[in-house]
Amino acid sequence: MDGFGSDFSAGASGGKMDPGTIMEQVKVQIAVANAQELLQRMTDKCFKKCIGKPGSTLDNSEQKCIAMCMDRYMDAWNTVSRTYNSRLQKERAHM
């Protein structure tokens, strides 16, 4: 978020700010925050599920478990995201 603050400040000191540019910057920052949250949640859930005793390396079964867990998590995330976006579009169409 530090990048956004410095970009915003630079634009403000220059005088005129383009609302479209600001909106795009906000969208990018939201997308980055969402991706970071997704990665953190996926890491937490899959680690708890797959790693019994943390060590310096992962054994073969832990590696497979992590890979499958992350695949399933991403599939579920994508399904929910598509459904949510579809619902939003339908609601906006009926307004």
PDB file of N, CA and C in Angstrom:
ATOM      1  N   MET A   1       0.806  -1.193   0.000  1.00  0.00           N
ATOM      2  CA  MET A   1       0.000   0.000   0.000  1.00  0.00           C
ATOM      3  C   MET A   1       0.855   1.266   0.000  1.00  0.00           C
ATOM      4  N   ASP A   2       2.121   1.151   0.347  1.00  0.00           N
ATOM      5  CA  ASP A   2       2.991   2.317   0.353  1.00  0.00           C
ATOM      6  C   ASP A   2       3.099   2.920  -1.034  1.00  0.00           C
ATOM      7  N   GLY A   3       3.130   2.086  -2.064  1.00  0.00           N
ATOM      8  CA  GLY A   3       3.227   2.564  -3.435  1.00  0.00           C
ATOM      9  C   GLY A   3       2.050   3.441  -3.799  1.00  0.00           C
ATOM     10  N   PHE A   4       0.862   3.070  -3.359  1.00  0.00           N
ATOM     11  CA  PHE A   4      -0.328   3.850  -3.677  1.00  0.00           C
ATOM     12  C   PHE A   4      -0.255   5.213  -3.020  1.00  0.00           C
ATOM     13  N   GLY A   5       0.153   5.246  -1.755  1.00  0.00           N
ATOM     14  CA  GLY A   5       0.229   6.516  -1.042  1.00  0.00           C
ATOM     15  C   GLY A   5       1.182   7.478  -1.706  1.00  0.00           C
ATOM     16  N   SER A   6       2.348   6.986  -2.146  1.00  0.00           N
ATOM     17  CA  SER A   6       3.311   7.880  -2.775  1.00  0.00           C
ATOM     18  C   SER A   6       2.823   8.336  -4.146  1.00  0.00           C
ATOM     19  N   ASP A   7       2.175   7.456  -4.911  1.00  0.00           N
ATOM     20  CA  ASP A   7       1.614   7.848  -6.207  1.00  0.00           C
ATOM     21  C   ASP A   7       0.520   8.889  -6.027  1.00  0.00           C
ATOM     22  N   PHE A   8      -0.319   8.684  -5.040  1.00  0.00           N
ATOM     23  CA  PHE A   8      -1.431   9.587  -4.781  1.00  0.00           C
ATOM     24  C   PHE A   8      -0.898  10.963  -4.372  1.00  0.00           C
ATOM     25  N   SER A   9       0.100  10.982  -3.506  1.00  0.00           N
ATOM     26  CA  SER A   9       0.678  12.240  -3.051  1.00  0.00           C
ATOM     27  C   SER A   9       1.325  12.996  -4.199  1.00  0.00           C
ATOM     28  N   ALA A  10       2.025  12.279  -5.054  1.00  0.00           N
ATOM     29  CA  ALA A  10       2.682  12.927  -6.189  1.00  0.00           C
ATOM     30  C   ALA A  10       1.648  13.560  -7.112  1.00  0.00           C
ATOM     31  N   GLY A  11       0.533  12.858  -7.322  1.00  0.00           N
ATOM     32  CA  GLY A  11      -0.522  13.392  -8.172  1.00  0.00           C
ATOM     33  C   GLY A  11      -1.173  14.603  -7.545  1.00  0.00           C
ATOM     34  N   ALA A  12      -1.339  14.584  -6.241  1.00  0.00           N
ATOM     35  CA  ALA A  12      -1.997  15.686  -5.551  1.00  0.00           C
ATOM     36  C   ALA A  12      -1.126  16.937  -5.582  1.00  0.00           C
ATOM     37  N   SER A  13       0.184  16.774  -5.458  1.00  0.00           N
ATOM     38  CA  SER A  13       1.047  17.948  -5.445  1.00  0.00           C
ATOM     39  C   SER A  13       1.193  18.548  -6.845  1.00  0.00           C
ATOM     40  N   GLY A  14       0.917  17.741  -7.873  1.00  0.00           N
ATOM     41  CA  GLY A  14       1.016  18.226  -9.244  1.00  0.00           C
ATOM     42  C   GLY A  14      -0.192  19.039  -9.659  1.00  0.00           C
ATOM     43  N   GLY A  15      -1.196  19.126  -8.826  1.00  0.00           N
ATOM     44  CA  GLY A  15      -2.374  19.912  -9.167  1.00  0.00           C
ATOM     45  C   GLY A  15      -3.537  19.040  -9.568  1.00  0.00           C
ATOM     46  N   LYS A  16      -3.774  18.937 -10.877  1.00  0.00           N
ATOM     47  CA  LYS A  16      -4.938  18.227 -11.404  1.00  0.00           C
ATOM     48  C   LYS A  16      -4.743  16.705 -11.332  1.00  0.00           C
ATOM     49  N   MET A  17      -5.770  15.991 -10.840  1.00  0.00           N
ATOM     50  CA  MET A  17      -5.712  14.531 -10.768  1.00  0.00           C
ATOM     51  C   MET A  17      -6.765  13.951 -11.698  1.00  0.00           C
ATOM     52  N   ASP A  18      -6.378  12.926 -12.412  1.00  0.00           N
ATOM     53  CA  ASP A  18      -7.295  12.246 -13.323  1.00  0.00           C
ATOM     54  C   ASP A  18      -8.053  11.173 -12.541  1.00  0.00           C
ATOM     55  N   PRO A  19      -9.390  11.318 -12.405  1.00  0.00           N
ATOM     56  CA  PRO A  19     -10.171  10.334 -11.648  1.00  0.00           C
ATOM     57  C   PRO A  19     -10.047   8.911 -12.216  1.00  0.00           C
ATOM     58  N   GLY A  20      -9.918   8.779 -13.526  1.00  0.00           N
ATOM     59  CA  GLY A  20      -9.774   7.458 -14.134  1.00  0.00           C
ATOM     60  C   GLY A  20      -8.484   6.777 -13.710  1.00  0.00           C
ATOM     61  N   THR A  21      -7.410   7.552 -13.657  1.00  0.00           N
ATOM     62  CA  THR A  21      -6.111   7.015 -13.241  1.00  0.00           C
ATOM     63  C   THR A  21      -6.157   6.601 -11.776  1.00  0.00           C
ATOM     64  N   ILE A  22      -6.748   7.427 -10.960  1.00  0.00           N
ATOM     65  CA  ILE A  22      -6.862   7.115  -9.528  1.00  0.00           C
ATOM     66  C   ILE A  22      -7.689   5.844  -9.344  1.00  0.00           C
ATOM     67  N   MET A  23      -8.792   5.726 -10.074  1.00  0.00           N
ATOM     68  CA  MET A  23      -9.650   4.544  -9.963  1.00  0.00           C
ATOM     69  C   MET A  23      -8.892   3.287 -10.381  1.00  0.00           C
ATOM     70  N   GLU A  24      -8.106   3.382 -11.436  1.00  0.00           N
ATOM     71  CA  GLU A  24      -7.303   2.229 -11.876  1.00  0.00           C
ATOM     72  C   GLU A  24      -6.280   1.847 -10.824  1.00  0.00           C
ATOM     73  N   GLN A  25      -5.652   2.830 -10.182  1.00  0.00           N
ATOM     74  CA  GLN A  25      -4.679   2.546  -9.132  1.00  0.00           C
ATOM     75  C   GLN A  25      -5.354   1.839  -7.955  1.00  0.00           C
ATOM     76  N   VAL A  26      -6.544   2.296  -7.614  1.00  0.00           N
ATOM     77  CA  VAL A  26      -7.285   1.666  -6.517  1.00  0.00           C
ATOM     78  C   VAL A  26      -7.634   0.225  -6.880  1.00  0.00           C
ATOM     79  N   LYS A  27      -8.087  -0.009  -8.110  1.00  0.00           N
ATOM     80  CA  LYS A  27      -8.428  -1.363  -8.554  1.00  0.00           C
ATOM     81  C   LYS A  27      -7.220  -2.289  -8.491  1.00  0.00           C
ATOM     82  N   VAL A  28      -6.067  -1.782  -8.919  1.00  0.00           N
ATOM     83  CA  VAL A  28      -4.840  -2.587  -8.883  1.00  0.00           C
ATOM     84  C   VAL A  28      -4.483  -2.932  -7.438  1.00  0.00           C
ATOM     85  N   GLN A  29      -4.569  -1.958  -6.549  1.00  0.00           N
ATOM     86  CA  GLN A  29      -4.238  -2.201  -5.144  1.00  0.00           C
ATOM     87  C   GLN A  29      -5.192  -3.206  -4.508  1.00  0.00           C
ATOM     88  N   ILE A  30      -6.463  -3.134  -4.851  1.00  0.00           N
ATOM     89  CA  ILE A  30      -7.442  -4.102  -4.336  1.00  0.00           C
ATOM     90  C   ILE A  30      -7.131  -5.494  -4.857  1.00  0.00           C
ATOM     91  N   ALA A  31      -6.789  -5.598  -6.133  1.00  0.00           N
ATOM     92  CA  ALA A  31      -6.451  -6.904  -6.715  1.00  0.00           C
ATOM     93  C   ALA A  31      -5.215  -7.496  -6.041  1.00  0.00           C
ATOM     94  N   VAL A  32      -4.214  -6.673  -5.772  1.00  0.00           N
ATOM     95  CA  VAL A  32      -3.003  -7.146  -5.098  1.00  0.00           C
ATOM     96  C   VAL A  32      -3.342  -7.619  -3.684  1.00  0.00           C
ATOM     97  N   ALA A  33      -4.143  -6.845  -2.965  1.00  0.00           N
ATOM     98  CA  ALA A  33      -4.522  -7.229  -1.604  1.00  0.00           C
ATOM     99  C   ALA A  33      -5.315  -8.537  -1.608  1.00  0.00           C
ATOM    100  N   ASN A  34      -6.220  -8.705  -2.576  1.00  0.00           N
ATOM    101  CA  ASN A  34      -6.996  -9.946  -2.674  1.00  0.00           C
ATOM    102  C   ASN A  34      -6.092 -11.141  -2.972  1.00  0.00           C
ATOM    103  N   ALA A  35      -5.124 -10.962  -3.856  1.00  0.00           N
ATOM    104  CA  ALA A  35      -4.198 -12.051  -4.186  1.00  0.00           C
ATOM    105  C   ALA A  35      -3.352 -12.421  -2.972  1.00  0.00           C
ATOM    106  N   GLN A  36      -2.901 -11.433  -2.228  1.00  0.00           N
ATOM    107  CA  GLN A  36      -2.112 -11.701  -1.028  1.00  0.00           C
ATOM    108  C   GLN A  36      -2.941 -12.454   0.013  1.00  0.00           C
ATOM    109  N   GLU A  37      -4.194 -12.054   0.182  1.00  0.00           N
ATOM    110  CA  GLU A  37      -5.072 -12.727   1.135  1.00  0.00           C
ATOM    111  C   GLU A  37      -5.339 -14.170   0.707  1.00  0.00           C
ATOM    112  N   LEU A  38      -5.594 -14.376  -0.583  1.00  0.00           N
ATOM    113  CA  LEU A  38      -5.810 -15.729  -1.105  1.00  0.00           C
ATOM    114  C   LEU A  38      -4.599 -16.607  -0.826  1.00  0.00           C
ATOM    115  N   LEU A  39      -3.431 -16.120  -1.132  1.00  0.00           N
ATOM    116  CA  LEU A  39      -2.211 -16.897  -0.927  1.00  0.00           C
ATOM    117  C   LEU A  39      -2.004 -17.209   0.555  1.00  0.00           C
ATOM    118  N   GLN A  40      -2.249 -16.238   1.424  1.00  0.00           N
ATOM    119  CA  GLN A  40      -2.067 -16.445   2.864  1.00  0.00           C
ATOM    120  C   GLN A  40      -3.053 -17.484   3.404  1.00  0.00           C
ATOM    121  N   ARG A  41      -4.311 -17.371   3.023  1.00  0.00           N
ATOM    122  CA  ARG A  41      -5.319 -18.336   3.491  1.00  0.00           C
ATOM    123  C   ARG A  41      -5.025 -19.737   2.978  1.00  0.00           C
ATOM    124  N   MET A  42      -4.657 -19.834   1.709  1.00  0.00           N
ATOM    125  CA  MET A  42      -4.357 -21.134   1.117  1.00  0.00           C
ATOM    126  C   MET A  42      -3.150 -21.763   1.823  1.00  0.00           C
ATOM    127  N   THR A  43      -2.133 -20.973   2.066  1.00  0.00           N
ATOM    128  CA  THR A  43      -0.934 -21.466   2.745  1.00  0.00           C
ATOM    129  C   THR A  43      -1.279 -21.964   4.144  1.00  0.00           C
ATOM    130  N   ASP A  44      -2.032 -21.170   4.894  1.00  0.00           N
ATOM    131  CA  ASP A  44      -2.409 -21.560   6.261  1.00  0.00           C
ATOM    132  C   ASP A  44      -3.204 -22.858   6.275  1.00  0.00           C
ATOM    133  N   LYS A  45      -4.237 -22.920   5.456  1.00  0.00           N
ATOM    134  CA  LYS A  45      -5.108 -24.094   5.450  1.00  0.00           C
ATOM    135  C   LYS A  45      -4.373 -25.353   5.001  1.00  0.00           C
ATOM    136  N   CYS A  46      -3.608 -25.242   3.939  1.00  0.00           N
ATOM    137  CA  CYS A  46      -2.911 -26.423   3.417  1.00  0.00           C
ATOM    138  C   CYS A  46      -1.774 -26.860   4.340  1.00  0.00           C
ATOM    139  N   PHE A  47      -1.111 -25.922   4.977  1.00  0.00           N
ATOM    140  CA  PHE A  47      -0.052 -26.281   5.919  1.00  0.00           C
ATOM    141  C   PHE A  47      -0.651 -27.060   7.089  1.00  0.00           C
ATOM    142  N   LYS A  48      -1.740 -26.531   7.654  1.00  0.00           N
ATOM    143  CA  LYS A  48      -2.381 -27.215   8.790  1.00  0.00           C
ATOM    144  C   LYS A  48      -2.862 -28.605   8.407  1.00  0.00           C
ATOM    145  N   LYS A  49      -3.366 -28.737   7.192  1.00  0.00           N
ATOM    146  CA  LYS A  49      -3.909 -30.012   6.742  1.00  0.00           C
ATOM    147  C   LYS A  49      -2.818 -31.034   6.425  1.00  0.00           C
ATOM    148  N   CYS A  50      -1.711 -30.593   5.853  1.00  0.00           N
ATOM    149  CA  CYS A  50      -0.737 -31.527   5.261  1.00  0.00           C
ATOM    150  C   CYS A  50       0.540 -31.745   6.060  1.00  0.00           C
ATOM    151  N   ILE A  51       0.906 -30.811   6.902  1.00  0.00           N
ATOM    152  CA  ILE A  51       2.189 -30.909   7.592  1.00  0.00           C
ATOM    153  C   ILE A  51       1.963 -31.305   9.046  1.00  0.00           C
ATOM    154  N   GLY A  52       2.291 -32.553   9.354  1.00  0.00           N
ATOM    155  CA  GLY A  52       2.117 -33.050  10.724  1.00  0.00           C
ATOM    156  C   GLY A  52       3.193 -32.547  11.658  1.00  0.00           C
ATOM    157  N   LYS A  53       4.440 -32.758  11.268  1.00  0.00           N
ATOM    158  CA  LYS A  53       5.583 -32.328  12.071  1.00  0.00           C
ATOM    159  C   LYS A  53       6.513 -31.515  11.174  1.00  0.00           C
ATOM    160  N   PRO A  54       6.506 -30.185  11.323  1.00  0.00           N
ATOM    161  CA  PRO A  54       7.375 -29.360  10.481  1.00  0.00           C
ATOM    162  C   PRO A  54       8.843 -29.739  10.652  1.00  0.00           C
ATOM    163  N   GLY A  55       9.545 -29.772   9.557  1.00  0.00           N
ATOM    164  CA  GLY A  55      10.969 -30.069   9.564  1.00  0.00           C
ATOM    165  C   GLY A  55      11.671 -29.255   8.500  1.00  0.00           C
ATOM    166  N   SER A  56      12.907 -29.642   8.200  1.00  0.00           N
ATOM    167  CA  SER A  56      13.688 -28.878   7.228  1.00  0.00           C
ATOM    168  C   SER A  56      13.306 -29.219   5.790  1.00  0.00           C
ATOM    169  N   THR A  57      12.640 -30.359   5.585  1.00  0.00           N
ATOM    170  CA  THR A  57      12.208 -30.753   4.239  1.00  0.00           C
ATOM    171  C   THR A  57      10.804 -31.355   4.308  1.00  0.00           C
ATOM    172  N   LEU A  58      10.161 -31.424   3.144  1.00  0.00           N
ATOM    173  CA  LEU A  58       8.858 -32.080   3.041  1.00  0.00           C
ATOM    174  C   LEU A  58       9.067 -33.470   2.465  1.00  0.00           C
ATOM    175  N   ASP A  59       8.400 -34.458   3.062  1.00  0.00           N
ATOM    176  CA  ASP A  59       8.498 -35.782   2.459  1.00  0.00           C
ATOM    177  C   ASP A  59       7.550 -35.854   1.268  1.00  0.00           C
ATOM    178  N   ASN A  60       7.622 -36.947   0.540  1.00  0.00           N
ATOM    179  CA  ASN A  60       6.858 -37.104  -0.697  1.00  0.00           C
ATOM    180  C   ASN A  60       5.357 -36.959  -0.479  1.00  0.00           C
ATOM    181  N   SER A  61       4.836 -37.566   0.579  1.00  0.00           N
ATOM    182  CA  SER A  61       3.395 -37.492   0.829  1.00  0.00           C
ATOM    183  C   SER A  61       2.964 -36.068   1.186  1.00  0.00           C
ATOM    184  N   GLU A  62       3.805 -35.330   1.914  1.00  0.00           N
ATOM    185  CA  GLU A  62       3.489 -33.941   2.243  1.00  0.00           C
ATOM    186  C   GLU A  62       3.490 -33.075   0.984  1.00  0.00           C
ATOM    187  N   GLN A  63       4.444 -33.305   0.102  1.00  0.00           N
ATOM    188  CA  GLN A  63       4.501 -32.553  -1.148  1.00  0.00           C
ATOM    189  C   GLN A  63       3.244 -32.782  -1.985  1.00  0.00           C
ATOM    190  N   LYS A  64       2.836 -34.042  -2.088  1.00  0.00           N
ATOM    191  CA  LYS A  64       1.630 -34.368  -2.857  1.00  0.00           C
ATOM    192  C   LYS A  64       0.393 -33.745  -2.206  1.00  0.00           C
ATOM    193  N   CYS A  65       0.315 -33.838  -0.882  1.00  0.00           N
ATOM    194  CA  CYS A  65      -0.826 -33.265  -0.157  1.00  0.00           C
ATOM    195  C   CYS A  65      -0.909 -31.756  -0.383  1.00  0.00           C
ATOM    196  N   ILE A  66       0.211 -31.069  -0.265  1.00  0.00           N
ATOM    197  CA  ILE A  66       0.243 -29.609  -0.470  1.00  0.00           C
ATOM    198  C   ILE A  66      -0.209 -29.271  -1.890  1.00  0.00           C
ATOM    199  N   ALA A  67       0.322 -29.982  -2.882  1.00  0.00           N
ATOM    200  CA  ALA A  67      -0.034 -29.703  -4.280  1.00  0.00           C
ATOM    201  C   ALA A  67      -1.523 -29.923  -4.516  1.00  0.00           C
ATOM    202  N   MET A  68      -2.055 -31.026  -4.026  1.00  0.00           N
ATOM    203  CA  MET A  68      -3.482 -31.315  -4.226  1.00  0.00           C
ATOM    204  C   MET A  68      -4.353 -30.329  -3.462  1.00  0.00           C
ATOM    205  N   CYS A  69      -3.949 -29.988  -2.248  1.00  0.00           N
ATOM    206  CA  CYS A  69      -4.711 -29.029  -1.435  1.00  0.00           C
ATOM    207  C   CYS A  69      -4.771 -27.672  -2.132  1.00  0.00           C
ATOM    208  N   MET A  70      -3.637 -27.217  -2.643  1.00  0.00           N
ATOM    209  CA  MET A  70      -3.601 -25.915  -3.314  1.00  0.00           C
ATOM    210  C   MET A  70      -4.438 -25.942  -4.589  1.00  0.00           C
ATOM    211  N   ASP A  71      -4.376 -27.043  -5.328  1.00  0.00           N
ATOM    212  CA  ASP A  71      -5.202 -27.174  -6.536  1.00  0.00           C
ATOM    213  C   ASP A  71      -6.687 -27.107  -6.192  1.00  0.00           C
ATOM    214  N   ARG A  72      -7.090 -27.849  -5.184  1.00  0.00           N
ATOM    215  CA  ARG A  72      -8.510 -27.840  -4.775  1.00  0.00           C
ATOM    216  C   ARG A  72      -8.923 -26.463  -4.275  1.00  0.00           C
ATOM    217  N   TYR A  73      -8.072 -25.825  -3.499  1.00  0.00           N
ATOM    218  CA  TYR A  73      -8.379 -24.498  -2.970  1.00  0.00           C
ATOM    219  C   TYR A  73      -8.570 -23.500  -4.109  1.00  0.00           C
ATOM    220  N   MET A  74      -7.677 -23.533  -5.092  1.00  0.00           N
ATOM    221  CA  MET A  74      -7.785 -22.620  -6.230  1.00  0.00           C
ATOM    222  C   MET A  74      -9.027 -22.913  -7.062  1.00  0.00           C
ATOM    223  N   ASP A  75      -9.341 -24.189  -7.258  1.00  0.00           N
ATOM    224  CA  ASP A  75     -10.561 -24.550  -7.994  1.00  0.00           C
ATOM    225  C   ASP A  75     -11.797 -24.005  -7.279  1.00  0.00           C
ATOM    226  N   ALA A  76     -11.841 -24.190  -5.970  1.00  0.00           N
ATOM    227  CA  ALA A  76     -12.984 -23.694  -5.187  1.00  0.00           C
ATOM    228  C   ALA A  76     -13.052 -22.168  -5.253  1.00  0.00           C
ATOM    229  N   TRP A  77     -11.921 -21.502  -5.114  1.00  0.00           N
ATOM    230  CA  TRP A  77     -11.866 -20.039  -5.172  1.00  0.00           C
ATOM    231  C   TRP A  77     -12.389 -19.537  -6.518  1.00  0.00           C
ATOM    232  N   ASN A  78     -11.922 -20.168  -7.595  1.00  0.00           N
ATOM    233  CA  ASN A  78     -12.344 -19.762  -8.932  1.00  0.00           C
ATOM    234  C   ASN A  78     -13.836 -19.986  -9.149  1.00  0.00           C
ATOM    235  N   THR A  79     -14.368 -21.099  -8.659  1.00  0.00           N
ATOM    236  CA  THR A  79     -15.799 -21.375  -8.784  1.00  0.00           C
ATOM    237  C   THR A  79     -16.615 -20.325  -8.041  1.00  0.00           C
ATOM    238  N   VAL A  80     -16.217 -20.035  -6.818  1.00  0.00           N
ATOM    239  CA  VAL A  80     -16.932 -19.023  -6.029  1.00  0.00           C
ATOM    240  C   VAL A  80     -16.832 -17.655  -6.703  1.00  0.00           C
ATOM    241  N   SER A  81     -15.664 -17.301  -7.199  1.00  0.00           N
ATOM    242  CA  SER A  81     -15.479 -16.001  -7.853  1.00  0.00           C
ATOM    243  C   SER A  81     -16.341 -15.868  -9.101  1.00  0.00           C
ATOM    244  N   ARG A  82     -16.364 -16.924  -9.925  1.00  0.00           N
ATOM    245  CA  ARG A  82     -17.196 -16.881 -11.142  1.00  0.00           C
ATOM    246  C   ARG A  82     -18.676 -16.746 -10.782  1.00  0.00           C
ATOM    247  N   THR A  83     -19.124 -17.512  -9.786  1.00  0.00           N
ATOM    248  CA  THR A  83     -20.525 -17.451  -9.376  1.00  0.00           C
ATOM    249  C   THR A  83     -20.870 -16.075  -8.823  1.00  0.00           C
ATOM    250  N   TYR A  84     -20.000 -15.535  -7.994  1.00  0.00           N
ATOM    251  CA  TYR A  84     -20.216 -14.215  -7.408  1.00  0.00           C
ATOM    252  C   TYR A  84     -20.298 -13.141  -8.496  1.00  0.00           C
ATOM    253  N   ASN A  85     -19.342 -13.171  -9.421  1.00  0.00           N
ATOM    254  CA  ASN A  85     -19.344 -12.184 -10.510  1.00  0.00           C
ATOM    255  C   ASN A  85     -20.576 -12.324 -11.393  1.00  0.00           C
ATOM    256  N   SER A  86     -21.002 -13.544 -11.649  1.00  0.00           N
ATOM    257  CA  SER A  86     -22.201 -13.779 -12.444  1.00  0.00           C
ATOM    258  C   SER A  86     -23.427 -13.194 -11.749  1.00  0.00           C
ATOM    259  N   ARG A  87     -23.519 -13.398 -10.445  1.00  0.00           N
ATOM    260  CA  ARG A  87     -24.645 -12.843  -9.677  1.00  0.00           C
ATOM    261  C   ARG A  87     -24.638 -11.330  -9.698  1.00  0.00           C
ATOM    262  N   LEU A  88     -23.463 -10.749  -9.542  1.00  0.00           N
ATOM    263  CA  LEU A  88     -23.369  -9.287  -9.582  1.00  0.00           C
ATOM    264  C   LEU A  88     -23.842  -8.743 -10.922  1.00  0.00           C
ATOM    265  N   GLN A  89     -23.423  -9.389 -12.006  1.00  0.00           N
ATOM    266  CA  GLN A  89     -23.833  -8.941 -13.338  1.00  0.00           C
ATOM    267  C   GLN A  89     -25.345  -9.056 -13.510  1.00  0.00           C
ATOM    268  N   LYS A  90     -25.937 -10.134 -13.022  1.00  0.00           N
ATOM    269  CA  LYS A  90     -27.395 -10.307 -13.132  1.00  0.00           C
ATOM    270  C   LYS A  90     -28.111  -9.235 -12.318  1.00  0.00           C
ATOM    271  N   GLU A  91     -27.620  -8.948 -11.120  1.00  0.00           N
ATOM    272  CA  GLU A  91     -28.253  -7.924 -10.284  1.00  0.00           C
ATOM    273  C   GLU A  91     -28.145  -6.548 -10.939  1.00  0.00           C
ATOM    274  N   ARG A  92     -27.003  -6.260 -11.516  1.00  0.00           N
ATOM    275  CA  ARG A  92     -26.830  -4.951 -12.182  1.00  0.00           C
ATOM    276  C   ARG A  92     -27.726  -4.846 -13.410  1.00  0.00           C
ATOM    277  N   ALA A  93     -27.945  -5.956 -14.104  1.00  0.00           N
ATOM    278  CA  ALA A  93     -28.792  -5.943 -15.290  1.00  0.00           C
ATOM    279  C   ALA A  93     -30.256  -5.687 -14.928  1.00  0.00           C
ATOM    280  N   HIS A  94     -30.657  -6.087 -13.734  1.00  0.00           N
ATOM    281  CA  HIS A  94     -32.047  -5.933 -13.299  1.00  0.00           C
ATOM    282  C   HIS A  94     -32.310  -4.629 -12.583  1.00  0.00           C
ATOM    283  N   MET A  95     -31.315  -3.772 -12.473  1.00  0.00           N
ATOM    284  CA  MET A  95     -31.484  -2.490 -11.744  1.00  0.00           C
ATOM    285  C   MET A  95     -32.150  -1.469 -12.596  1.00  0.00           C
TER     286      MET A  95
END
